[in-house]
Amino acid sequence: MSKKLLIAALCLVSIVLIYFLAFRPTNPTSPTSPTKPAISGPPTTSLEERVCEKVSTQFGDCKKILLFDANSNLVFAESSSGIIPVLTNKEFTDFKKFIYPEMNFQEFREEKEERGPIEWRAKNSAQKDFSIIYGFAEDEAKTIVINSEGNIQPNKFFVRDNLWVWYATFQKDKVKLPVDVTVYNADGQIIYGGNEQE
């Protein structure tokens, strides 16, 4: 019995050794220039860490990254004062620029009577052939339609406590201003309609 166990153990060790030898990474045999590496290594920090570092430098702190949108090369980062859209590179690997103005929590709370259940901003030419309309919405704003841009419905994601972020991106230098938006509640009734300039 012990002889069979010994043979089985030796077979298992042999299989593991063969597996590791067969699948270990190989070193390139061609020489490389000592001053310039043949292949640049991966970034030492993640996109999330790089964006949060930039947000902390600019706004004092970075609580978290709320959303990565690879289709638009956008990241939405939260600081203690609000939420800021961040544009990344096309590979979606590195920070490119902030899109101003920031969506400010305090302003949104204080201006509810004047603005209704949503607020928005339009940023033309955030970069070449890229503009964005974005803002906050309260939970009662179930459907938002941007009438001035062909009645499109923007993307929307939940933040917390009756607060949502909504945004739409456009592959052009300018969106039509003033922005004309209609907001519907859960019953399909219009609860807001109006315009605001950039």
C-alpha atoms as a PDB file:
ATOM      1  CA  MET A   1       0.000   0.000   0.000  1.00  0.00           C
ATOM      2  CA  SER A   2       2.777   2.445   0.928  1.00  0.00           C
ATOM      3  CA  LYS A   3       4.683   1.539  -2.266  1.00  0.00           C
ATOM      4  CA  LYS A   4       1.617   2.529  -4.346  1.00  0.00           C
ATOM      5  CA  LEU A   5       1.335   5.828  -2.456  1.00  0.00           C
ATOM      6  CA  LEU A   6       5.017   6.547  -3.052  1.00  0.00           C
ATOM      7  CA  ILE A   7       4.662   5.871  -6.812  1.00  0.00           C
ATOM      8  CA  ALA A   8       1.510   8.053  -6.995  1.00  0.00           C
ATOM      9  CA  ALA A   9       3.272  10.887  -5.169  1.00  0.00           C
ATOM     10  CA  LEU A  10       6.296  10.678  -7.503  1.00  0.00           C
ATOM     11  CA  CYS A  11       3.987  10.738 -10.547  1.00  0.00           C
ATOM     12  CA  LEU A  12       2.169  13.792  -9.200  1.00  0.00           C
ATOM     13  CA  VAL A  13       5.447  15.635  -8.512  1.00  0.00           C
ATOM     14  CA  SER A  14       6.669  14.783 -12.042  1.00  0.00           C
ATOM     15  CA  ILE A  15       3.464  16.112 -13.604  1.00  0.00           C
ATOM     16  CA  VAL A  16       3.685  19.367 -11.615  1.00  0.00           C
ATOM     17  CA  LEU A  17       7.352  19.844 -12.614  1.00  0.00           C
ATOM     18  CA  ILE A  18       6.596  19.231 -16.294  1.00  0.00           C
ATOM     19  CA  TYR A  19       3.661  21.671 -16.131  1.00  0.00           C
ATOM     20  CA  PHE A  20       5.754  24.465 -14.591  1.00  0.00           C
ATOM     21  CA  LEU A  21       8.652  23.924 -16.991  1.00  0.00           C
ATOM     22  CA  ALA A  22       6.352  23.941 -20.017  1.00  0.00           C
ATOM     23  CA  PHE A  23       4.390  27.062 -19.064  1.00  0.00           C
ATOM     24  CA  ARG A  24       7.036  29.286 -17.485  1.00  0.00           C
ATOM     25  CA  PRO A  25       7.660  32.643 -19.213  1.00  0.00           C
ATOM     26  CA  THR A  26      10.671  32.690 -21.497  1.00  0.00           C
ATOM     27  CA  ASN A  27      13.218  35.466 -21.778  1.00  0.00           C
ATOM     28  CA  PRO A  28      13.807  37.011 -25.187  1.00  0.00           C
ATOM     29  CA  THR A  29      17.108  35.911 -26.746  1.00  0.00           C
ATOM     30  CA  SER A  30      17.508  39.002 -28.925  1.00  0.00           C
ATOM     31  CA  PRO A  31      19.610  41.781 -27.390  1.00  0.00           C
ATOM     32  CA  THR A  32      17.949  45.045 -26.442  1.00  0.00           C
ATOM     33  CA  SER A  33      19.403  48.508 -26.173  1.00  0.00           C
ATOM     34  CA  PRO A  34      20.554  49.280 -22.628  1.00  0.00           C
ATOM     35  CA  THR A  35      19.184  52.833 -22.825  1.00  0.00           C
ATOM     36  CA  LYS A  36      15.703  51.964 -24.140  1.00  0.00           C
ATOM     37  CA  PRO A  37      13.662  48.920 -23.093  1.00  0.00           C
ATOM     38  CA  ALA A  38      12.210  46.783 -25.888  1.00  0.00           C
ATOM     39  CA  ILE A  39       8.713  46.877 -24.374  1.00  0.00           C
ATOM     40  CA  SER A  40       7.418  49.359 -21.846  1.00  0.00           C
ATOM     41  CA  GLY A  41       5.912  47.733 -18.778  1.00  0.00           C
ATOM     42  CA  PRO A  42       2.385  48.215 -17.491  1.00  0.00           C
ATOM     43  CA  PRO A  43       1.564  51.330 -15.473  1.00  0.00           C
ATOM     44  CA  THR A  44       2.452  50.987 -11.811  1.00  0.00           C
ATOM     45  CA  THR A  45      -0.938  52.325 -10.694  1.00  0.00           C
ATOM     46  CA  SER A  46      -4.463  51.678 -11.918  1.00  0.00           C
ATOM     47  CA  LEU A  47      -6.576  54.233 -13.759  1.00  0.00           C
ATOM     48  CA  GLU A  48      -8.742  54.533 -10.654  1.00  0.00           C
ATOM     49  CA  GLU A  49      -5.727  55.384  -8.489  1.00  0.00           C
ATOM     50  CA  ARG A  50      -4.381  57.928 -10.997  1.00  0.00           C
ATOM     51  CA  VAL A  51      -7.755  59.654 -11.347  1.00  0.00           C
ATOM     52  CA  CYS A  52      -8.252  59.737  -7.569  1.00  0.00           C
ATOM     53  CA  GLU A  53      -4.780  61.212  -7.110  1.00  0.00           C
ATOM     54  CA  LYS A  54      -5.584  64.027  -9.581  1.00  0.00           C
ATOM     55  CA  VAL A  55      -8.996  64.639  -7.949  1.00  0.00           C
ATOM     56  CA  SER A  56      -7.383  64.823  -4.492  1.00  0.00           C
ATOM     57  CA  THR A  57      -4.801  67.313  -5.748  1.00  0.00           C
ATOM     58  CA  GLN A  58      -7.453  69.515  -7.371  1.00  0.00           C
ATOM     59  CA  PHE A  59     -10.394  69.182  -4.947  1.00  0.00           C
ATOM     60  CA  GLY A  60      -8.818  68.168  -1.632  1.00  0.00           C
ATOM     61  CA  ASP A  61      -9.987  64.569  -1.522  1.00  0.00           C
ATOM     62  CA  CYS A  62     -11.285  61.677  -3.605  1.00  0.00           C
ATOM     63  CA  LYS A  63     -13.952  59.516  -2.018  1.00  0.00           C
ATOM     64  CA  LYS A  64     -14.404  57.037  -4.864  1.00  0.00           C
ATOM     65  CA  ILE A  65     -14.863  56.473  -8.562  1.00  0.00           C
ATOM     66  CA  LEU A  66     -18.584  56.124  -9.251  1.00  0.00           C
ATOM     67  CA  LEU A  67     -18.593  55.071 -12.895  1.00  0.00           C
ATOM     68  CA  PHE A  68     -16.264  54.065 -15.711  1.00  0.00           C
ATOM     69  CA  ASP A  69     -17.754  54.599 -19.185  1.00  0.00           C
ATOM     70  CA  ALA A  70     -15.354  53.039 -21.682  1.00  0.00           C
ATOM     71  CA  ASN A  71     -17.578  53.985 -24.638  1.00  0.00           C
ATOM     72  CA  SER A  72     -17.158  57.695 -23.908  1.00  0.00           C
ATOM     73  CA  ASN A  73     -13.734  57.537 -22.218  1.00  0.00           C
ATOM     74  CA  LEU A  74     -15.300  59.100 -19.126  1.00  0.00           C
ATOM     75  CA  VAL A  75     -14.848  58.500 -15.419  1.00  0.00           C
ATOM     76  CA  PHE A  76     -17.049  60.115 -12.770  1.00  0.00           C
ATOM     77  CA  ALA A  77     -15.169  60.780  -9.535  1.00  0.00           C
ATOM     78  CA  GLU A  78     -16.631  61.882  -6.200  1.00  0.00           C
ATOM     79  CA  SER A  79     -14.989  64.291  -3.783  1.00  0.00           C
ATOM     80  CA  SER A  80     -16.545  65.605  -0.571  1.00  0.00           C
ATOM     81  CA  SER A  81     -17.851  68.675  -2.419  1.00  0.00           C
ATOM     82  CA  GLY A  82     -19.316  67.010  -5.503  1.00  0.00           C
ATOM     83  CA  ILE A  83     -18.828  64.918  -8.620  1.00  0.00           C
ATOM     84  CA  ILE A  84     -16.513  65.717 -11.509  1.00  0.00           C
ATOM     85  CA  PRO A  85     -16.428  64.071 -14.948  1.00  0.00           C
ATOM     86  CA  VAL A  86     -12.917  63.095 -16.005  1.00  0.00           C
ATOM     87  CA  LEU A  87     -11.860  62.469 -19.589  1.00  0.00           C
ATOM     88  CA  THR A  88      -9.407  59.614 -20.167  1.00  0.00           C
ATOM     89  CA  ASN A  89      -7.274  58.681 -23.145  1.00  0.00           C
ATOM     90  CA  LYS A  90      -8.683  56.536 -25.976  1.00  0.00           C
ATOM     91  CA  GLU A  91      -7.140  53.375 -24.528  1.00  0.00           C
ATOM     92  CA  PHE A  92      -8.987  54.119 -21.271  1.00  0.00           C
ATOM     93  CA  THR A  93      -5.766  53.728 -19.328  1.00  0.00           C
ATOM     94  CA  ASP A  94      -4.771  57.234 -18.217  1.00  0.00           C
ATOM     95  CA  PHE A  95      -6.122  60.573 -16.961  1.00  0.00           C
ATOM     96  CA  LYS A  96      -6.496  63.278 -19.613  1.00  0.00           C
ATOM     97  CA  LYS A  97      -8.477  66.227 -18.166  1.00  0.00           C
ATOM     98  CA  PHE A  98     -11.272  67.345 -15.852  1.00  0.00           C
ATOM     99  CA  ILE A  99     -14.531  68.509 -17.413  1.00  0.00           C
ATOM    100  CA  TYR A 100     -15.649  71.660 -15.620  1.00  0.00           C
ATOM    101  CA  PRO A 101     -17.749  72.782 -13.870  1.00  0.00           C
ATOM    102  CA  GLU A 102     -17.977  70.227 -11.067  1.00  0.00           C
ATOM    103  CA  MET A 103     -21.454  69.123  -9.947  1.00  0.00           C
ATOM    104  CA  ASN A 104     -21.627  70.579  -6.439  1.00  0.00           C
ATOM    105  CA  PHE A 105     -23.726  68.811  -3.762  1.00  0.00           C
ATOM    106  CA  GLN A 106     -24.350  71.950  -1.690  1.00  0.00           C
ATOM    107  CA  GLU A 107     -25.455  74.075  -4.647  1.00  0.00           C
ATOM    108  CA  PHE A 108     -27.831  71.358  -5.794  1.00  0.00           C
ATOM    109  CA  ARG A 109     -29.472  71.155  -2.347  1.00  0.00           C
ATOM    110  CA  GLU A 110     -29.734  74.926  -1.940  1.00  0.00           C
ATOM    111  CA  GLU A 111     -31.169  75.706  -5.375  1.00  0.00           C
ATOM    112  CA  LYS A 112     -33.971  73.132  -5.474  1.00  0.00           C
ATOM    113  CA  GLU A 113     -36.794  75.699  -5.462  1.00  0.00           C
ATOM    114  CA  GLU A 114     -35.348  77.605  -8.401  1.00  0.00           C
ATOM    115  CA  ARG A 115     -34.242  74.715 -10.584  1.00  0.00           C
ATOM    116  CA  GLY A 116     -36.734  71.876 -10.026  1.00  0.00           C
ATOM    117  CA  PRO A 117     -35.812  68.166  -9.900  1.00  0.00           C
ATOM    118  CA  ILE A 118     -32.731  68.390 -12.153  1.00  0.00           C
ATOM    119  CA  GLU A 119     -29.798  70.601 -13.015  1.00  0.00           C
ATOM    120  CA  TRP A 120     -27.430  70.404 -15.949  1.00  0.00           C
ATOM    121  CA  ARG A 121     -24.350  71.807 -17.566  1.00  0.00           C
ATOM    122  CA  ALA A 122     -23.237  71.797 -21.191  1.00  0.00           C
ATOM    123  CA  LYS A 123     -19.551  71.599 -22.041  1.00  0.00           C
ATOM    124  CA  ASN A 124     -18.726  72.241 -25.682  1.00  0.00           C
ATOM    125  CA  SER A 125     -15.405  71.118 -27.130  1.00  0.00           C
ATOM    126  CA  ALA A 126     -14.253  69.234 -24.039  1.00  0.00           C
ATOM    127  CA  GLN A 127     -11.869  67.957 -26.679  1.00  0.00           C
ATOM    128  CA  LYS A 128     -12.027  67.852 -30.482  1.00  0.00           C
ATOM    129  CA  ASP A 129     -15.327  66.314 -31.634  1.00  0.00           C
ATOM    130  CA  PHE A 130     -16.488  65.747 -28.057  1.00  0.00           C
ATOM    131  CA  SER A 131     -19.130  67.669 -26.084  1.00  0.00           C
ATOM    132  CA  ILE A 132     -21.165  66.663 -23.059  1.00  0.00           C
ATOM    133  CA  ILE A 133     -24.379  67.604 -21.241  1.00  0.00           C
ATOM    134  CA  TYR A 134     -24.434  66.420 -17.622  1.00  0.00           C
ATOM    135  CA  GLY A 135     -26.005  67.111 -14.252  1.00  0.00           C
ATOM    136  CA  PHE A 136     -27.808  65.936 -11.125  1.00  0.00           C
ATOM    137  CA  ALA A 137     -31.350  64.593 -10.927  1.00  0.00           C
ATOM    138  CA  GLU A 138     -33.585  63.710  -8.001  1.00  0.00           C
ATOM    139  CA  ASP A 139     -35.341  60.366  -7.775  1.00  0.00           C
ATOM    140  CA  GLU A 140     -38.671  61.761  -9.011  1.00  0.00           C
ATOM    141  CA  ALA A 141     -37.048  62.479 -12.413  1.00  0.00           C
ATOM    142  CA  LYS A 142     -37.583  59.038 -13.933  1.00  0.00           C
ATOM    143  CA  THR A 143     -37.133  59.972 -17.601  1.00  0.00           C
ATOM    144  CA  ILE A 144     -35.093  62.838 -18.994  1.00  0.00           C
ATOM    145  CA  VAL A 145     -35.274  63.861 -22.647  1.00  0.00           C
ATOM    146  CA  ILE A 146     -32.826  66.307 -24.211  1.00  0.00           C
ATOM    147  CA  ASN A 147     -35.144  67.923 -26.762  1.00  0.00           C
ATOM    148  CA  SER A 148     -32.516  70.265 -28.202  1.00  0.00           C
ATOM    149  CA  GLU A 149     -30.376  67.280 -29.269  1.00  0.00           C
ATOM    150  CA  GLY A 150     -32.996  65.247 -31.129  1.00  0.00           C
ATOM    151  CA  ASN A 151     -35.010  64.024 -28.119  1.00  0.00           C
ATOM    152  CA  ILE A 152     -32.303  61.689 -26.861  1.00  0.00           C
ATOM    153  CA  GLN A 153     -32.403  60.123 -23.406  1.00  0.00           C
ATOM    154  CA  PRO A 154     -29.167  60.460 -21.446  1.00  0.00           C
ATOM    155  CA  ASN A 155     -27.369  57.800 -19.400  1.00  0.00           C
ATOM    156  CA  LYS A 156     -28.190  57.875 -15.702  1.00  0.00           C
ATOM    157  CA  PHE A 157     -26.614  56.277 -12.617  1.00  0.00           C
ATOM    158  CA  PHE A 158     -27.517  56.297  -8.930  1.00  0.00           C
ATOM    159  CA  VAL A 159     -25.275  58.047  -6.406  1.00  0.00           C
ATOM    160  CA  ARG A 160     -27.191  57.854  -3.092  1.00  0.00           C
ATOM    161  CA  ASP A 161     -30.076  59.336  -1.095  1.00  0.00           C
ATOM    162  CA  ASN A 162     -32.426  60.314  -3.907  1.00  0.00           C
ATOM    163  CA  LEU A 163     -29.522  61.614  -6.038  1.00  0.00           C
ATOM    164  CA  TRP A 164     -28.642  60.546  -9.595  1.00  0.00           C
ATOM    165  CA  VAL A 165     -26.120  61.705 -12.181  1.00  0.00           C
ATOM    166  CA  TRP A 166     -27.219  61.873 -15.803  1.00  0.00           C
ATOM    167  CA  TYR A 167     -25.126  62.638 -18.877  1.00  0.00           C
ATOM    168  CA  ALA A 168     -25.016  62.417 -22.658  1.00  0.00           C
ATOM    169  CA  THR A 169     -21.947  62.714 -24.867  1.00  0.00           C
ATOM    170  CA  PHE A 170     -21.808  63.917 -28.459  1.00  0.00           C
ATOM    171  CA  GLN A 171     -19.214  63.363 -31.165  1.00  0.00           C
ATOM    172  CA  LYS A 172     -19.178  67.007 -32.199  1.00  0.00           C
ATOM    173  CA  ASP A 173     -17.602  70.274 -31.090  1.00  0.00           C
ATOM    174  CA  LYS A 174     -20.835  71.983 -30.021  1.00  0.00           C
ATOM    175  CA  VAL A 175     -24.230  71.034 -28.650  1.00  0.00           C
ATOM    176  CA  LYS A 176     -27.204  73.273 -29.285  1.00  0.00           C
ATOM    177  CA  LEU A 177     -27.614  75.996 -26.683  1.00  0.00           C
ATOM    178  CA  PRO A 178     -29.707  76.757 -24.787  1.00  0.00           C
ATOM    179  CA  VAL A 179     -30.192  73.140 -23.708  1.00  0.00           C
ATOM    180  CA  ASP A 180     -33.891  72.209 -23.796  1.00  0.00           C
ATOM    181  CA  VAL A 181     -34.828  69.381 -21.429  1.00  0.00           C
ATOM    182  CA  THR A 182     -38.120  67.728 -20.483  1.00  0.00           C
ATOM    183  CA  VAL A 183     -38.418  65.615 -17.334  1.00  0.00           C
ATOM    184  CA  TYR A 184     -41.107  62.994 -16.653  1.00  0.00           C
ATOM    185  CA  ASN A 185     -42.096  61.307 -13.400  1.00  0.00           C
ATOM    186  CA  ALA A 186     -42.885  57.598 -12.915  1.00  0.00           C
ATOM    187  CA  ASP A 187     -46.438  58.144 -14.233  1.00  0.00           C
ATOM    188  CA  GLY A 188     -45.161  59.724 -17.452  1.00  0.00           C
ATOM    189  CA  GLN A 189     -46.294  63.204 -16.455  1.00  0.00           C
ATOM    190  CA  ILE A 190     -44.082  66.196 -17.270  1.00  0.00           C
ATOM    191  CA  ILE A 191     -42.667  67.598 -14.045  1.00  0.00           C
ATOM    192  CA  TYR A 192     -40.130  69.939 -15.613  1.00  0.00           C
ATOM    193  CA  GLY A 193     -39.376  71.534 -18.963  1.00  0.00           C
ATOM    194  CA  GLY A 194     -37.068  74.466 -19.691  1.00  0.00           C
ATOM    195  CA  ASN A 195     -33.696  75.708 -20.857  1.00  0.00           C
ATOM    196  CA  GLU A 196     -30.419  76.865 -19.443  1.00  0.00           C
ATOM    197  CA  GLN A 197     -27.295  78.170 -21.141  1.00  0.00           C
ATOM    198  CA  GLU A 198     -23.756  76.933 -20.631  1.00  0.00           C
END
